[in-house]
C-alpha cells in the first residue's frame, strides 16, 4: 500500500492511529478472552482441529 509522493505525514496520521487502535483491541481482546478458563480449555481441546484446518488451507493456498 503506497501513499502519494507529495502527501504530508499529517495526512497519514489518522491511518497510523487507527491501525494502532485496531492492533491494541485485538491484542487486549485475545488477552481478555484467554483469561477465561472455560474458553481456554475449549481452545486447547480443539487446538488439533484448528491446526489441521489451517494446515490444509495454507497448504492449498501455497
C-alpha atoms as a PDB file:
ATOM      1  CA  UNK A   1       0.000   0.000   0.000  1.00  0.00           C
ATOM      2  CA  UNK A   2       1.522   3.284  -1.024  1.00  0.00           C
ATOM      3  CA  UNK A   3       0.755   6.918  -0.461  1.00  0.00           C
ATOM      4  CA  UNK A   4       1.185   9.728  -2.965  1.00  0.00           C
ATOM      5  CA  UNK A   5       4.691  11.176  -3.178  1.00  0.00           C
ATOM      6  CA  UNK A   6       3.640  14.615  -2.073  1.00  0.00           C
ATOM      7  CA  UNK A   7       1.459  13.542   0.879  1.00  0.00           C
ATOM      8  CA  UNK A   8       2.266  15.077   4.240  1.00  0.00           C
ATOM      9  CA  UNK A   9       2.829  12.970   7.357  1.00  0.00           C
ATOM     10  CA  UNK A  10      -0.224  14.563   8.978  1.00  0.00           C
ATOM     11  CA  UNK A  11      -2.357  13.099   6.194  1.00  0.00           C
ATOM     12  CA  UNK A  12      -1.203   9.618   7.222  1.00  0.00           C
ATOM     13  CA  UNK A  13      -1.553  10.182  10.962  1.00  0.00           C
ATOM     14  CA  UNK A  14      -5.243   9.125  11.201  1.00  0.00           C
ATOM     15  CA  UNK A  15      -4.447   5.870   9.402  1.00  0.00           C
ATOM     16  CA  UNK A  16      -1.489   5.161  11.673  1.00  0.00           C
ATOM     17  CA  UNK A  17      -3.535   5.882  14.796  1.00  0.00           C
ATOM     18  CA  UNK A  18      -6.478   3.743  13.643  1.00  0.00           C
ATOM     19  CA  UNK A  19      -4.210   0.799  12.825  1.00  0.00           C
ATOM     20  CA  UNK A  20      -2.592   1.111  16.254  1.00  0.00           C
ATOM     21  CA  UNK A  21      -6.016   1.178  17.906  1.00  0.00           C
ATOM     22  CA  UNK A  22      -7.129  -1.878  15.951  1.00  0.00           C
ATOM     23  CA  UNK A  23      -3.986  -3.769  16.964  1.00  0.00           C
ATOM     24  CA  UNK A  24      -4.475  -2.867  20.626  1.00  0.00           C
ATOM     25  CA  UNK A  25      -8.109  -4.019  20.521  1.00  0.00           C
ATOM     26  CA  UNK A  26      -7.099  -7.374  19.022  1.00  0.00           C
ATOM     27  CA  UNK A  27      -4.265  -7.979  21.493  1.00  0.00           C
ATOM     28  CA  UNK A  28      -6.273  -6.980  24.569  1.00  0.00           C
ATOM     29  CA  UNK A  29      -9.307  -8.854  23.251  1.00  0.00           C
ATOM     30  CA  UNK A  30      -7.319 -12.077  22.999  1.00  0.00           C
ATOM     31  CA  UNK A  31      -5.827 -11.480  26.456  1.00  0.00           C
ATOM     32  CA  UNK A  32      -9.287 -10.993  27.939  1.00  0.00           C
ATOM     33  CA  UNK A  33     -10.725 -13.940  26.027  1.00  0.00           C
ATOM     34  CA  UNK A  34      -7.993 -16.386  27.031  1.00  0.00           C
ATOM     35  CA  UNK A  35      -8.060 -15.288  30.655  1.00  0.00           C
ATOM     36  CA  UNK A  36     -11.379 -17.155  30.921  1.00  0.00           C
ATOM     37  CA  UNK A  37     -10.597 -20.786  31.953  1.00  0.00           C
ATOM     38  CA  UNK A  38     -13.595 -22.276  30.120  1.00  0.00           C
ATOM     39  CA  UNK A  39     -12.715 -20.605  26.807  1.00  0.00           C
ATOM     40  CA  UNK A  40      -9.029 -21.502  27.221  1.00  0.00           C
ATOM     41  CA  UNK A  41      -9.938 -25.145  27.924  1.00  0.00           C
ATOM     42  CA  UNK A  42     -12.215 -25.313  24.890  1.00  0.00           C
ATOM     43  CA  UNK A  43      -9.456 -23.886  22.713  1.00  0.00           C
ATOM     44  CA  UNK A  44      -6.920 -26.453  23.946  1.00  0.00           C
ATOM     45  CA  UNK A  45      -9.415 -29.271  23.275  1.00  0.00           C
ATOM     46  CA  UNK A  46      -9.973 -28.028  19.703  1.00  0.00           C
ATOM     47  CA  UNK A  47      -6.374 -26.978  19.037  1.00  0.00           C
ATOM     48  CA  UNK A  48      -5.580 -30.049  16.958  1.00  0.00           C
ATOM     49  CA  UNK A  49      -8.648 -29.422  14.781  1.00  0.00           C
ATOM     50  CA  UNK A  50      -7.652 -25.764  14.294  1.00  0.00           C
ATOM     51  CA  UNK A  51      -4.090 -26.756  13.391  1.00  0.00           C
ATOM     52  CA  UNK A  52      -5.353 -29.306  10.856  1.00  0.00           C
ATOM     53  CA  UNK A  53      -7.712 -26.847   9.195  1.00  0.00           C
ATOM     54  CA  UNK A  54      -5.007 -24.172   8.994  1.00  0.00           C
ATOM     55  CA  UNK A  55      -2.503 -26.693   7.630  1.00  0.00           C
ATOM     56  CA  UNK A  56      -4.877 -27.821   4.876  1.00  0.00           C
ATOM     57  CA  UNK A  57      -5.852 -24.268   3.964  1.00  0.00           C
ATOM     58  CA  UNK A  58      -2.293 -22.895   3.909  1.00  0.00           C
ATOM     59  CA  UNK A  59      -1.051 -25.953   2.019  1.00  0.00           C
ATOM     60  CA  UNK A  60      -3.785 -25.488  -0.565  1.00  0.00           C
ATOM     61  CA  UNK A  61      -3.013 -21.757  -0.904  1.00  0.00           C
ATOM     62  CA  UNK A  62       0.767 -22.331  -1.045  1.00  0.00           C
END
